[in-house]
Amino acid sequence: MAPDVLLALVEAGVVLWVEAGRLRFRAPEGVLGEELRTRAAACRGALLVLVKAGAVLPADPAQWPEEATANREERAAIMEFDGRLPRDVAEREAERCVRLEHARAFVARAALRSAP
């Protein structure tokens, strides 16, 4: 359940991190509907464990690994020039996509490790 909620949050553009042992987040206005909030609250402890384990990229993109940063920059450029998106929109969407790709890969690796 928690991995599915984590992916739903990240896909919606929610950025998660741990601060002083507590789960923190920031989200674009309007993306956290009541249903997603309820699901997240129900598995808050498991979400905290996942975030601590590296399921999400750091909240500050300046702390991302070089590969993730390069991926974000490339995606933003493609979205801006080929997709004709304004630069700020392209950068936000590219960041969301790279965060989601990272979280999906983490969840998939974890599922493989726990498979019988």
PDB file of N, CA and C in Angstrom:
ATOM      1  N   MET A   1       0.814  -1.198   0.000  1.00  0.00           N
ATOM      2  CA  MET A   1       0.000   0.000   0.000  1.00  0.00           C
ATOM      3  C   MET A   1       0.857   1.261   0.000  1.00  0.00           C
ATOM      4  N   ALA A   2       1.845   1.330   0.887  1.00  0.00           N
ATOM      5  CA  ALA A   2       2.676   2.534   0.981  1.00  0.00           C
ATOM      6  C   ALA A   2       3.427   2.833  -0.319  1.00  0.00           C
ATOM      7  N   PRO A   3       3.997   1.829  -1.003  1.00  0.00           N
ATOM      8  CA  PRO A   3       4.661   2.148  -2.267  1.00  0.00           C
ATOM      9  C   PRO A   3       3.704   2.749  -3.296  1.00  0.00           C
ATOM     10  N   ASP A   4       2.472   2.254  -3.346  1.00  0.00           N
ATOM     11  CA  ASP A   4       1.485   2.810  -4.274  1.00  0.00           C
ATOM     12  C   ASP A   4       1.140   4.254  -3.914  1.00  0.00           C
ATOM     13  N   VAL A   5       1.011   4.521  -2.637  1.00  0.00           N
ATOM     14  CA  VAL A   5       0.708   5.882  -2.189  1.00  0.00           C
ATOM     15  C   VAL A   5       1.893   6.796  -2.488  1.00  0.00           C
ATOM     16  N   LEU A   6       3.093   6.316  -2.223  1.00  0.00           N
ATOM     17  CA  LEU A   6       4.289   7.099  -2.530  1.00  0.00           C
ATOM     18  C   LEU A   6       4.309   7.477  -4.005  1.00  0.00           C
ATOM     19  N   LEU A   7       4.079   6.513  -4.878  1.00  0.00           N
ATOM     20  CA  LEU A   7       4.089   6.789  -6.316  1.00  0.00           C
ATOM     21  C   LEU A   7       2.984   7.757  -6.710  1.00  0.00           C
ATOM     22  N   ALA A   8       1.812   7.627  -6.106  1.00  0.00           N
ATOM     23  CA  ALA A   8       0.709   8.557  -6.397  1.00  0.00           C
ATOM     24  C   ALA A   8       1.072   9.976  -5.969  1.00  0.00           C
ATOM     25  N   LEU A   9       1.712  10.104  -4.825  1.00  0.00           N
ATOM     26  CA  LEU A   9       2.130  11.425  -4.344  1.00  0.00           C
ATOM     27  C   LEU A   9       3.159  12.052  -5.281  1.00  0.00           C
ATOM     28  N   VAL A  10       4.181  11.276  -5.621  1.00  0.00           N
ATOM     29  CA  VAL A  10       5.244  11.790  -6.484  1.00  0.00           C
ATOM     30  C   VAL A  10       4.691  12.128  -7.868  1.00  0.00           C
ATOM     31  N   GLU A  11       3.819  11.271  -8.377  1.00  0.00           N
ATOM     32  CA  GLU A  11       3.225  11.531  -9.687  1.00  0.00           C
ATOM     33  C   GLU A  11       2.411  12.829  -9.682  1.00  0.00           C
ATOM     34  N   ALA A  12       1.798  13.130  -8.550  1.00  0.00           N
ATOM     35  CA  ALA A  12       1.018  14.365  -8.422  1.00  0.00           C
ATOM     36  C   ALA A  12       1.896  15.602  -8.259  1.00  0.00           C
ATOM     37  N   GLY A  13       3.203  15.389  -8.096  1.00  0.00           N
ATOM     38  CA  GLY A  13       4.109  16.521  -7.942  1.00  0.00           C
ATOM     39  C   GLY A  13       4.479  16.854  -6.506  1.00  0.00           C
ATOM     40  N   VAL A  14       4.126  15.963  -5.589  1.00  0.00           N
ATOM     41  CA  VAL A  14       4.456  16.168  -4.177  1.00  0.00           C
ATOM     42  C   VAL A  14       5.923  15.825  -3.955  1.00  0.00           C
ATOM     43  N   VAL A  15       6.621  16.692  -3.241  1.00  0.00           N
ATOM     44  CA  VAL A  15       8.022  16.465  -2.882  1.00  0.00           C
ATOM     45  C   VAL A  15       8.046  16.088  -1.406  1.00  0.00           C
ATOM     46  N   LEU A  16       8.662  14.951  -1.106  1.00  0.00           N
ATOM     47  CA  LEU A  16       8.722  14.434   0.270  1.00  0.00           C
ATOM     48  C   LEU A  16      10.160  14.453   0.774  1.00  0.00           C
ATOM     49  N   TRP A  17      10.318  14.684   2.081  1.00  0.00           N
ATOM     50  CA  TRP A  17      11.625  14.594   2.706  1.00  0.00           C
ATOM     51  C   TRP A  17      11.437  14.360   4.199  1.00  0.00           C
ATOM     52  N   VAL A  18      12.520  13.998   4.865  1.00  0.00           N
ATOM     53  CA  VAL A  18      12.501  13.789   6.308  1.00  0.00           C
ATOM     54  C   VAL A  18      13.304  14.904   6.951  1.00  0.00           C
ATOM     55  N   GLU A  19      12.711  15.512   7.966  1.00  0.00           N
ATOM     56  CA  GLU A  19      13.367  16.592   8.707  1.00  0.00           C
ATOM     57  C   GLU A  19      13.135  16.356  10.190  1.00  0.00           C
ATOM     58  N   ALA A  20      14.207  16.245  10.936  1.00  0.00           N
ATOM     59  CA  ALA A  20      14.128  15.992  12.377  1.00  0.00           C
ATOM     60  C   ALA A  20      13.258  14.769  12.681  1.00  0.00           C
ATOM     61  N   GLY A  21      13.417  13.727  11.846  1.00  0.00           N
ATOM     62  CA  GLY A  21      12.702  12.488  12.070  1.00  0.00           C
ATOM     63  C   GLY A  21      11.235  12.506  11.671  1.00  0.00           C
ATOM     64  N   ARG A  22      10.791  13.600  11.068  1.00  0.00           N
ATOM     65  CA  ARG A  22       9.383  13.715  10.669  1.00  0.00           C
ATOM     66  C   ARG A  22       9.266  13.823   9.155  1.00  0.00           C
ATOM     67  N   LEU A  23       8.202  13.249   8.637  1.00  0.00           N
ATOM     68  CA  LEU A  23       7.931  13.322   7.202  1.00  0.00           C
ATOM     69  C   LEU A  23       7.391  14.705   6.867  1.00  0.00           C
ATOM     70  N   ARG A  24       8.020  15.337   5.898  1.00  0.00           N
ATOM     71  CA  ARG A  24       7.602  16.673   5.436  1.00  0.00           C
ATOM     72  C   ARG A  24       7.275  16.587   3.951  1.00  0.00           C
ATOM     73  N   PHE A  25       6.507  17.544   3.483  1.00  0.00           N
ATOM     74  CA  PHE A  25       6.185  17.568   2.059  1.00  0.00           C
ATOM     75  C   PHE A  25       5.846  18.981   1.611  1.00  0.00           C
ATOM     76  N   ARG A  26       5.941  19.171   0.299  1.00  0.00           N
ATOM     77  CA  ARG A  26       5.392  20.367  -0.342  1.00  0.00           C
ATOM     78  C   ARG A  26       4.714  19.878  -1.608  1.00  0.00           C
ATOM     79  N   ALA A  27       3.635  20.550  -1.960  1.00  0.00           N
ATOM     80  CA  ALA A  27       2.843  20.101  -3.102  1.00  0.00           C
ATOM     81  C   ALA A  27       2.287  21.305  -3.849  1.00  0.00           C
ATOM     82  N   PRO A  28       2.174  21.168  -5.159  1.00  0.00           N
ATOM     83  CA  PRO A  28       1.500  22.220  -5.913  1.00  0.00           C
ATOM     84  C   PRO A  28       0.064  22.378  -5.394  1.00  0.00           C
ATOM     85  N   GLU A  29      -0.421  23.576  -5.438  1.00  0.00           N
ATOM     86  CA  GLU A  29      -1.764  23.848  -4.947  1.00  0.00           C
ATOM     87  C   GLU A  29      -2.802  22.986  -5.669  1.00  0.00           C
ATOM     88  N   GLY A  30      -3.657  22.367  -4.876  1.00  0.00           N
ATOM     89  CA  GLY A  30      -4.769  21.613  -5.426  1.00  0.00           C
ATOM     90  C   GLY A  30      -4.507  20.165  -5.801  1.00  0.00           C
ATOM     91  N   VAL A  31      -3.266  19.670  -5.679  1.00  0.00           N
ATOM     92  CA  VAL A  31      -3.006  18.288  -6.106  1.00  0.00           C
ATOM     93  C   VAL A  31      -3.316  17.252  -5.026  1.00  0.00           C
ATOM     94  N   LEU A  32      -3.360  17.691  -3.784  1.00  0.00           N
ATOM     95  CA  LEU A  32      -3.630  16.739  -2.694  1.00  0.00           C
ATOM     96  C   LEU A  32      -5.118  16.732  -2.364  1.00  0.00           C
ATOM     97  N   GLY A  33      -5.849  15.895  -3.064  1.00  0.00           N
ATOM     98  CA  GLY A  33      -7.264  15.736  -2.780  1.00  0.00           C
ATOM     99  C   GLY A  33      -7.468  14.975  -1.485  1.00  0.00           C
ATOM    100  N   GLU A  34      -8.703  14.951  -1.018  1.00  0.00           N
ATOM    101  CA  GLU A  34      -9.028  14.298   0.254  1.00  0.00           C
ATOM    102  C   GLU A  34      -8.670  12.809   0.238  1.00  0.00           C
ATOM    103  N   GLU A  35      -8.937  12.129  -0.886  1.00  0.00           N
ATOM    104  CA  GLU A  35      -8.661  10.695  -0.972  1.00  0.00           C
ATOM    105  C   GLU A  35      -7.161  10.411  -0.843  1.00  0.00           C
ATOM    106  N   LEU A  36      -6.331  11.182  -1.531  1.00  0.00           N
ATOM    107  CA  LEU A  36      -4.885  10.974  -1.457  1.00  0.00           C
ATOM    108  C   LEU A  36      -4.347  11.346  -0.080  1.00  0.00           C
ATOM    109  N   ARG A  37      -4.864  12.395   0.514  1.00  0.00           N
ATOM    110  CA  ARG A  37      -4.462  12.773   1.886  1.00  0.00           C
ATOM    111  C   ARG A  37      -4.786  11.649   2.876  1.00  0.00           C
ATOM    112  N   THR A  38      -5.967  11.074   2.738  1.00  0.00           N
ATOM    113  CA  THR A  38      -6.392   9.989   3.634  1.00  0.00           C
ATOM    114  C   THR A  38      -5.494   8.767   3.467  1.00  0.00           C
ATOM    115  N   ARG A  39      -5.206   8.412   2.221  1.00  0.00           N
ATOM    116  CA  ARG A  39      -4.329   7.269   1.955  1.00  0.00           C
ATOM    117  C   ARG A  39      -2.930   7.518   2.520  1.00  0.00           C
ATOM    118  N   ALA A  40      -2.427   8.732   2.351  1.00  0.00           N
ATOM    119  CA  ALA A  40      -1.090   9.062   2.860  1.00  0.00           C
ATOM    120  C   ALA A  40      -1.061   9.023   4.386  1.00  0.00           C
ATOM    121  N   ALA A  41      -2.092   9.555   5.015  1.00  0.00           N
ATOM    122  CA  ALA A  41      -2.151   9.546   6.484  1.00  0.00           C
ATOM    123  C   ALA A  41      -2.194   8.128   7.025  1.00  0.00           C
ATOM    124  N   ALA A  42      -2.874   7.235   6.308  1.00  0.00           N
ATOM    125  CA  ALA A  42      -3.018   5.846   6.769  1.00  0.00           C
ATOM    126  C   ALA A  42      -1.689   5.090   6.756  1.00  0.00           C
ATOM    127  N   CYS A  43      -0.758   5.525   5.941  1.00  0.00           N
ATOM    128  CA  CYS A  43       0.525   4.799   5.877  1.00  0.00           C
ATOM    129  C   CYS A  43       1.714   5.742   6.088  1.00  0.00           C
ATOM    130  N   ARG A  44       1.501   6.775   6.878  1.00  0.00           N
ATOM    131  CA  ARG A  44       2.536   7.784   7.124  1.00  0.00           C
ATOM    132  C   ARG A  44       3.846   7.172   7.620  1.00  0.00           C
ATOM    133  N   GLY A  45       3.765   6.236   8.541  1.00  0.00           N
ATOM    134  CA  GLY A  45       4.968   5.596   9.081  1.00  0.00           C
ATOM    135  C   GLY A  45       5.744   4.842   8.010  1.00  0.00           C
ATOM    136  N   ALA A  46       5.029   4.116   7.165  1.00  0.00           N
ATOM    137  CA  ALA A  46       5.679   3.377   6.079  1.00  0.00           C
ATOM    138  C   ALA A  46       6.256   4.332   5.040  1.00  0.00           C
ATOM    139  N   LEU A  47       5.569   5.447   4.800  1.00  0.00           N
ATOM    140  CA  LEU A  47       6.111   6.456   3.877  1.00  0.00           C
ATOM    141  C   LEU A  47       7.413   7.032   4.424  1.00  0.00           C
ATOM    142  N   LEU A  48       7.450   7.270   5.716  1.00  0.00           N
ATOM    143  CA  LEU A  48       8.663   7.781   6.355  1.00  0.00           C
ATOM    144  C   LEU A  48       9.822   6.810   6.147  1.00  0.00           C
ATOM    145  N   VAL A  49       9.565   5.526   6.317  1.00  0.00           N
ATOM    146  CA  VAL A  49      10.598   4.503   6.117  1.00  0.00           C
ATOM    147  C   VAL A  49      11.078   4.514   4.663  1.00  0.00           C
ATOM    148  N   LEU A  50      10.153   4.577   3.716  1.00  0.00           N
ATOM    149  CA  LEU A  50      10.518   4.596   2.303  1.00  0.00           C
ATOM    150  C   LEU A  50      11.362   5.821   1.959  1.00  0.00           C
ATOM    151  N   VAL A  51      10.964   6.974   2.455  1.00  0.00           N
ATOM    152  CA  VAL A  51      11.707   8.204   2.153  1.00  0.00           C
ATOM    153  C   VAL A  51      13.101   8.122   2.764  1.00  0.00           C
ATOM    154  N   LYS A  52      13.203   7.651   3.999  1.00  0.00           N
ATOM    155  CA  LYS A  52      14.514   7.489   4.634  1.00  0.00           C
ATOM    156  C   LYS A  52      15.398   6.511   3.868  1.00  0.00           C
ATOM    157  N   ALA A  53      14.790   5.506   3.248  1.00  0.00           N
ATOM    158  CA  ALA A  53      15.534   4.474   2.518  1.00  0.00           C
ATOM    159  C   ALA A  53      15.992   4.941   1.141  1.00  0.00           C
ATOM    160  N   GLY A  54      15.561   6.126   0.717  1.00  0.00           N
ATOM    161  CA  GLY A  54      16.012   6.658  -0.565  1.00  0.00           C
ATOM    162  C   GLY A  54      15.024   6.512  -1.704  1.00  0.00           C
ATOM    163  N   ALA A  55      13.751   6.293  -1.374  1.00  0.00           N
ATOM    164  CA  ALA A  55      12.739   6.118  -2.421  1.00  0.00           C
ATOM    165  C   ALA A  55      12.486   7.385  -3.219  1.00  0.00           C
ATOM    166  N   VAL A  56      12.861   8.519  -2.674  1.00  0.00           N
ATOM    167  CA  VAL A  56      12.670   9.786  -3.379  1.00  0.00           C
ATOM    168  C   VAL A  56      14.002  10.522  -3.465  1.00  0.00           C
ATOM    169  N   LEU A  57      14.118  11.347  -4.475  1.00  0.00           N
ATOM    170  CA  LEU A  57      15.302  12.201  -4.602  1.00  0.00           C
ATOM    171  C   LEU A  57      15.244  13.292  -3.540  1.00  0.00           C
ATOM    172  N   PRO A  58      16.393  13.873  -3.165  1.00  0.00           N
ATOM    173  CA  PRO A  58      16.380  14.962  -2.182  1.00  0.00           C
ATOM    174  C   PRO A  58      15.441  16.092  -2.605  1.00  0.00           C
ATOM    175  N   ALA A  59      14.860  16.763  -1.633  1.00  0.00           N
ATOM    176  CA  ALA A  59      13.935  17.860  -1.914  1.00  0.00           C
ATOM    177  C   ALA A  59      14.625  18.966  -2.709  1.00  0.00           C
ATOM    178  N   ASP A  60      15.880  19.223  -2.411  1.00  0.00           N
ATOM    179  CA  ASP A  60      16.652  20.261  -3.099  1.00  0.00           C
ATOM    180  C   ASP A  60      17.358  19.644  -4.298  1.00  0.00           C
ATOM    181  N   PRO A  61      16.960  20.025  -5.519  1.00  0.00           N
ATOM    182  CA  PRO A  61      17.600  19.442  -6.702  1.00  0.00           C
ATOM    183  C   PRO A  61      19.116  19.664  -6.762  1.00  0.00           C
ATOM    184  N   ALA A  62      19.631  20.645  -6.049  1.00  0.00           N
ATOM    185  CA  ALA A  62      21.078  20.865  -6.017  1.00  0.00           C
ATOM    186  C   ALA A  62      21.803  19.694  -5.350  1.00  0.00           C
ATOM    187  N   GLN A  63      21.083  18.881  -4.602  1.00  0.00           N
ATOM    188  CA  GLN A  63      21.666  17.725  -3.917  1.00  0.00           C
ATOM    189  C   GLN A  63      21.452  16.422  -4.691  1.00  0.00           C
ATOM    190  N   TRP A  64      20.881  16.507  -5.871  1.00  0.00           N
ATOM    191  CA  TRP A  64      20.638  15.310  -6.677  1.00  0.00           C
ATOM    192  C   TRP A  64      21.936  14.756  -7.218  1.00  0.00           C
ATOM    193  N   PRO A  65      21.974  13.442  -7.503  1.00  0.00           N
ATOM    194  CA  PRO A  65      23.131  12.876  -8.197  1.00  0.00           C
ATOM    195  C   PRO A  65      23.260  13.519  -9.583  1.00  0.00           C
ATOM    196  N   GLU A  66      24.470  13.535 -10.091  1.00  0.00           N
ATOM    197  CA  GLU A  66      24.752  14.174 -11.377  1.00  0.00           C
ATOM    198  C   GLU A  66      23.869  13.619 -12.499  1.00  0.00           C
ATOM    199  N   GLU A  67      23.665  12.321 -12.511  1.00  0.00           N
ATOM    200  CA  GLU A  67      22.863  11.697 -13.566  1.00  0.00           C
ATOM    201  C   GLU A  67      21.414  12.208 -13.553  1.00  0.00           C
ATOM    202  N   ALA A  68      20.831  12.340 -12.361  1.00  0.00           N
ATOM    203  CA  ALA A  68      19.452  12.834 -12.257  1.00  0.00           C
ATOM    204  C   ALA A  68      19.363  14.289 -12.705  1.00  0.00           C
ATOM    205  N   THR A  69      20.370  15.073 -12.352  1.00  0.00           N
ATOM    206  CA  THR A  69      20.400  16.480 -12.756  1.00  0.00           C
ATOM    207  C   THR A  69      20.498  16.599 -14.270  1.00  0.00           C
ATOM    208  N   ALA A  70      21.373  15.813 -14.878  1.00  0.00           N
ATOM    209  CA  ALA A  70      21.529  15.848 -16.334  1.00  0.00           C
ATOM    210  C   ALA A  70      20.226  15.403 -17.016  1.00  0.00           C
ATOM    211  N   ASN A  71      19.583  14.393 -16.472  1.00  0.00           N
ATOM    212  CA  ASN A  71      18.324  13.905 -17.012  1.00  0.00           C
ATOM    213  C   ASN A  71      17.257  14.996 -16.953  1.00  0.00           C
ATOM    214  N   ARG A  72      17.178  15.684 -15.813  1.00  0.00           N
ATOM    215  CA  ARG A  72      16.203  16.773 -15.659  1.00  0.00           C
ATOM    216  C   ARG A  72      16.460  17.887 -16.656  1.00  0.00           C
ATOM    217  N   GLU A  73      17.717  18.280 -16.815  1.00  0.00           N
ATOM    218  CA  GLU A  73      18.053  19.362 -17.735  1.00  0.00           C
ATOM    219  C   GLU A  73      17.727  18.988 -19.180  1.00  0.00           C
ATOM    220  N   GLU A  74      18.033  17.742 -19.559  1.00  0.00           N
ATOM    221  CA  GLU A  74      17.739  17.295 -20.916  1.00  0.00           C
ATOM    222  C   GLU A  74      16.231  17.272 -21.170  1.00  0.00           C
ATOM    223  N   ARG A  75      15.477  16.729 -20.226  1.00  0.00           N
ATOM    224  CA  ARG A  75      14.018  16.665 -20.385  1.00  0.00           C
ATOM    225  C   ARG A  75      13.416  18.061 -20.464  1.00  0.00           C
ATOM    226  N   ALA A  76      13.904  18.970 -19.630  1.00  0.00           N
ATOM    227  CA  ALA A  76      13.378  20.339 -19.658  1.00  0.00           C
ATOM    228  C   ALA A  76      13.637  20.995 -21.007  1.00  0.00           C
ATOM    229  N   ALA A  77      14.825  20.780 -21.550  1.00  0.00           N
ATOM    230  CA  ALA A  77      15.155  21.365 -22.853  1.00  0.00           C
ATOM    231  C   ALA A  77      14.263  20.802 -23.949  1.00  0.00           C
ATOM    232  N   ILE A  78      14.041  19.510 -23.919  1.00  0.00           N
ATOM    233  CA  ILE A  78      13.172  18.884 -24.927  1.00  0.00           C
ATOM    234  C   ILE A  78      11.750  19.428 -24.802  1.00  0.00           C
ATOM    235  N   MET A  79      11.259  19.518 -23.579  1.00  0.00           N
ATOM    236  CA  MET A  79       9.904  20.023 -23.368  1.00  0.00           C
ATOM    237  C   MET A  79       9.765  21.489 -23.797  1.00  0.00           C
ATOM    238  N   GLU A  80      10.827  22.239 -23.563  1.00  0.00           N
ATOM    239  CA  GLU A  80      10.792  23.655 -23.928  1.00  0.00           C
ATOM    240  C   GLU A  80      10.855  23.832 -25.446  1.00  0.00           C
ATOM    241  N   PHE A  81      11.799  23.186 -26.083  1.00  0.00           N
ATOM    242  CA  PHE A  81      12.024  23.439 -27.505  1.00  0.00           C
ATOM    243  C   PHE A  81      11.115  22.598 -28.403  1.00  0.00           C
ATOM    244  N   ASP A  82      10.979  21.309 -28.124  1.00  0.00           N
ATOM    245  CA  ASP A  82      10.118  20.474 -28.960  1.00  0.00           C
ATOM    246  C   ASP A  82       8.645  20.602 -28.557  1.00  0.00           C
ATOM    247  N   GLY A  83       8.413  20.698 -27.254  1.00  0.00           N
ATOM    248  CA  GLY A  83       7.040  20.792 -26.769  1.00  0.00           C
ATOM    249  C   GLY A  83       6.519  22.209 -26.696  1.00  0.00           C
ATOM    250  N   ARG A  84       7.411  23.174 -26.898  1.00  0.00           N
ATOM    251  CA  ARG A  84       7.050  24.590 -26.886  1.00  0.00           C
ATOM    252  C   ARG A  84       6.439  25.043 -25.555  1.00  0.00           C
ATOM    253  N   LEU A  85       6.895  24.427 -24.487  1.00  0.00           N
ATOM    254  CA  LEU A  85       6.447  24.845 -23.157  1.00  0.00           C
ATOM    255  C   LEU A  85       7.292  26.024 -22.681  1.00  0.00           C
ATOM    256  N   PRO A  86       6.726  26.930 -21.907  1.00  0.00           N
ATOM    257  CA  PRO A  86       7.553  27.976 -21.282  1.00  0.00           C
ATOM    258  C   PRO A  86       8.616  27.316 -20.400  1.00  0.00           C
ATOM    259  N   ARG A  87       9.779  27.935 -20.297  1.00  0.00           N
ATOM    260  CA  ARG A  87      10.911  27.338 -19.581  1.00  0.00           C
ATOM    261  C   ARG A  87      10.551  26.912 -18.162  1.00  0.00           C
ATOM    262  N   ASP A  88       9.860  27.763 -17.407  1.00  0.00           N
ATOM    263  CA  ASP A  88       9.548  27.414 -16.019  1.00  0.00           C
ATOM    264  C   ASP A  88       8.613  26.202 -15.938  1.00  0.00           C
ATOM    265  N   VAL A  89       7.676  26.103 -16.862  1.00  0.00           N
ATOM    266  CA  VAL A  89       6.768  24.949 -16.893  1.00  0.00           C
ATOM    267  C   VAL A  89       7.552  23.692 -17.269  1.00  0.00           C
ATOM    268  N   ALA A  90       8.415  23.801 -18.260  1.00  0.00           N
ATOM    269  CA  ALA A  90       9.228  22.661 -18.694  1.00  0.00           C
ATOM    270  C   ALA A  90      10.125  22.172 -17.552  1.00  0.00           C
ATOM    271  N   GLU A  91      10.722  23.090 -16.808  1.00  0.00           N
ATOM    272  CA  GLU A  91      11.593  22.700 -15.691  1.00  0.00           C
ATOM    273  C   GLU A  91      10.811  21.999 -14.588  1.00  0.00           C
ATOM    274  N   ARG A  92       9.627  22.513 -14.252  1.00  0.00           N
ATOM    275  CA  ARG A  92       8.805  21.864 -13.210  1.00  0.00           C
ATOM    276  C   ARG A  92       8.378  20.468 -13.636  1.00  0.00           C
ATOM    277  N   GLU A  93       7.931  20.342 -14.883  1.00  0.00           N
ATOM    278  CA  GLU A  93       7.467  19.039 -15.364  1.00  0.00           C
ATOM    279  C   GLU A  93       8.627  18.047 -15.478  1.00  0.00           C
ATOM    280  N   ALA A  94       9.780  18.522 -15.928  1.00  0.00           N
ATOM    281  CA  ALA A  94      10.952  17.645 -16.021  1.00  0.00           C
ATOM    282  C   ALA A  94      11.362  17.170 -14.627  1.00  0.00           C
ATOM    283  N   GLU A  95      11.330  18.060 -13.646  1.00  0.00           N
ATOM    284  CA  GLU A  95      11.668  17.664 -12.276  1.00  0.00           C
ATOM    285  C   GLU A  95      10.691  16.607 -11.769  1.00  0.00           C
ATOM    286  N   ARG A  96       9.400  16.805 -12.018  1.00  0.00           N
ATOM    287  CA  ARG A  96       8.402  15.836 -11.583  1.00  0.00           C
ATOM    288  C   ARG A  96       8.642  14.478 -12.248  1.00  0.00           C
ATOM    289  N   CYS A  97       8.948  14.492 -13.536  1.00  0.00           N
ATOM    290  CA  CYS A  97       9.188  13.243 -14.266  1.00  0.00           C
ATOM    291  C   CYS A  97      10.407  12.489 -13.736  1.00  0.00           C
ATOM    292  N   VAL A  98      11.478  13.208 -13.463  1.00  0.00           N
ATOM    293  CA  VAL A  98      12.696  12.560 -12.957  1.00  0.00           C
ATOM    294  C   VAL A  98      12.463  12.030 -11.546  1.00  0.00           C
ATOM    295  N   ARG A  99      11.754  12.797 -10.724  1.00  0.00           N
ATOM    296  CA  ARG A  99      11.426  12.305  -9.378  1.00  0.00           C
ATOM    297  C   ARG A  99      10.584  11.026  -9.465  1.00  0.00           C
ATOM    298  N   LEU A 100       9.614  11.008 -10.363  1.00  0.00           N
ATOM    299  CA  LEU A 100       8.749   9.838 -10.509  1.00  0.00           C
ATOM    300  C   LEU A 100       9.540   8.641 -11.027  1.00  0.00           C
ATOM    301  N   GLU A 101      10.392   8.859 -11.996  1.00  0.00           N
ATOM    302  CA  GLU A 101      11.222   7.771 -12.529  1.00  0.00           C
ATOM    303  C   GLU A 101      12.086   7.160 -11.425  1.00  0.00           C
ATOM    304  N   HIS A 102      12.680   8.010 -10.583  1.00  0.00           N
ATOM    305  CA  HIS A 102      13.508   7.532  -9.473  1.00  0.00           C
ATOM    306  C   HIS A 102      12.666   6.692  -8.502  1.00  0.00           C
ATOM    307  N   ALA A 103      11.501   7.201  -8.121  1.00  0.00           N
ATOM    308  CA  ALA A 103      10.651   6.494  -7.159  1.00  0.00           C
ATOM    309  C   ALA A 103      10.174   5.159  -7.732  1.00  0.00           C
ATOM    310  N   ARG A 104       9.788   5.150  -8.999  1.00  0.00           N
ATOM    311  CA  ARG A 104       9.354   3.892  -9.623  1.00  0.00           C
ATOM    312  C   ARG A 104      10.475   2.865  -9.639  1.00  0.00           C
ATOM    313  N   ALA A 105      11.675   3.296  -9.963  1.00  0.00           N
ATOM    314  CA  ALA A 105      12.819   2.376  -9.987  1.00  0.00           C
ATOM    315  C   ALA A 105      13.099   1.832  -8.590  1.00  0.00           C
ATOM    316  N   PHE A 106      13.014   2.681  -7.573  1.00  0.00           N
ATOM    317  CA  PHE A 106      13.240   2.243  -6.199  1.00  0.00           C
ATOM    318  C   PHE A 106      12.207   1.201  -5.799  1.00  0.00           C
ATOM    319  N   VAL A 107      10.938   1.483  -6.071  1.00  0.00           N
ATOM    320  CA  VAL A 107       9.862   0.560  -5.706  1.00  0.00           C
ATOM    321  C   VAL A 107      10.026  -0.768  -6.447  1.00  0.00           C
ATOM    322  N   ALA A 108      10.396  -0.718  -7.710  1.00  0.00           N
ATOM    323  CA  ALA A 108      10.595  -1.951  -8.482  1.00  0.00           C
ATOM    324  C   ALA A 108      11.743  -2.776  -7.913  1.00  0.00           C
ATOM    325  N   ARG A 109      12.851  -2.115  -7.551  1.00  0.00           N
ATOM    326  CA  ARG A 109      13.984  -2.843  -6.951  1.00  0.00           C
ATOM    327  C   ARG A 109      13.573  -3.475  -5.629  1.00  0.00           C
ATOM    328  N   ALA A 110      12.825  -2.735  -4.823  1.00  0.00           N
ATOM    329  CA  ALA A 110      12.381  -3.264  -3.529  1.00  0.00           C
ATOM    330  C   ALA A 110      11.463  -4.466  -3.714  1.00  0.00           C
ATOM    331  N   ALA A 111      10.597  -4.406  -4.725  1.00  0.00           N
ATOM    332  CA  ALA A 111       9.689  -5.522  -4.998  1.00  0.00           C
ATOM    333  C   ALA A 111      10.478  -6.753  -5.430  1.00  0.00           C
ATOM    334  N   LEU A 112      11.516  -6.562  -6.208  1.00  0.00           N
ATOM    335  CA  LEU A 112      12.346  -7.689  -6.635  1.00  0.00           C
ATOM    336  C   LEU A 112      13.061  -8.336  -5.455  1.00  0.00           C
ATOM    337  N   ARG A 113      13.536  -7.500  -4.531  1.00  0.00           N
ATOM    338  CA  ARG A 113      14.243  -8.036  -3.367  1.00  0.00           C
ATOM    339  C   ARG A 113      13.313  -8.812  -2.442  1.00  0.00           C
ATOM    340  N   SER A 114      12.032  -8.421  -2.396  1.00  0.00           N
ATOM    341  CA  SER A 114      11.115  -9.096  -1.479  1.00  0.00           C
ATOM    342  C   SER A 114      10.321 -10.208  -2.147  1.00  0.00           C
ATOM    343  N   ALA A 115      10.512 -10.407  -3.436  1.00  0.00           N
ATOM    344  CA  ALA A 115       9.781 -11.480  -4.135  1.00  0.00           C
ATOM    345  C   ALA A 115      10.278 -12.839  -3.646  1.00  0.00           C
ATOM    346  N   PRO A 116       9.360 -13.815  -3.525  1.00  0.00           N
ATOM    347  CA  PRO A 116       9.773 -15.143  -3.033  1.00  0.00           C
ATOM    348  C   PRO A 116      10.671 -15.866  -4.006  1.00  0.00           C
TER     349      PRO A 116
END
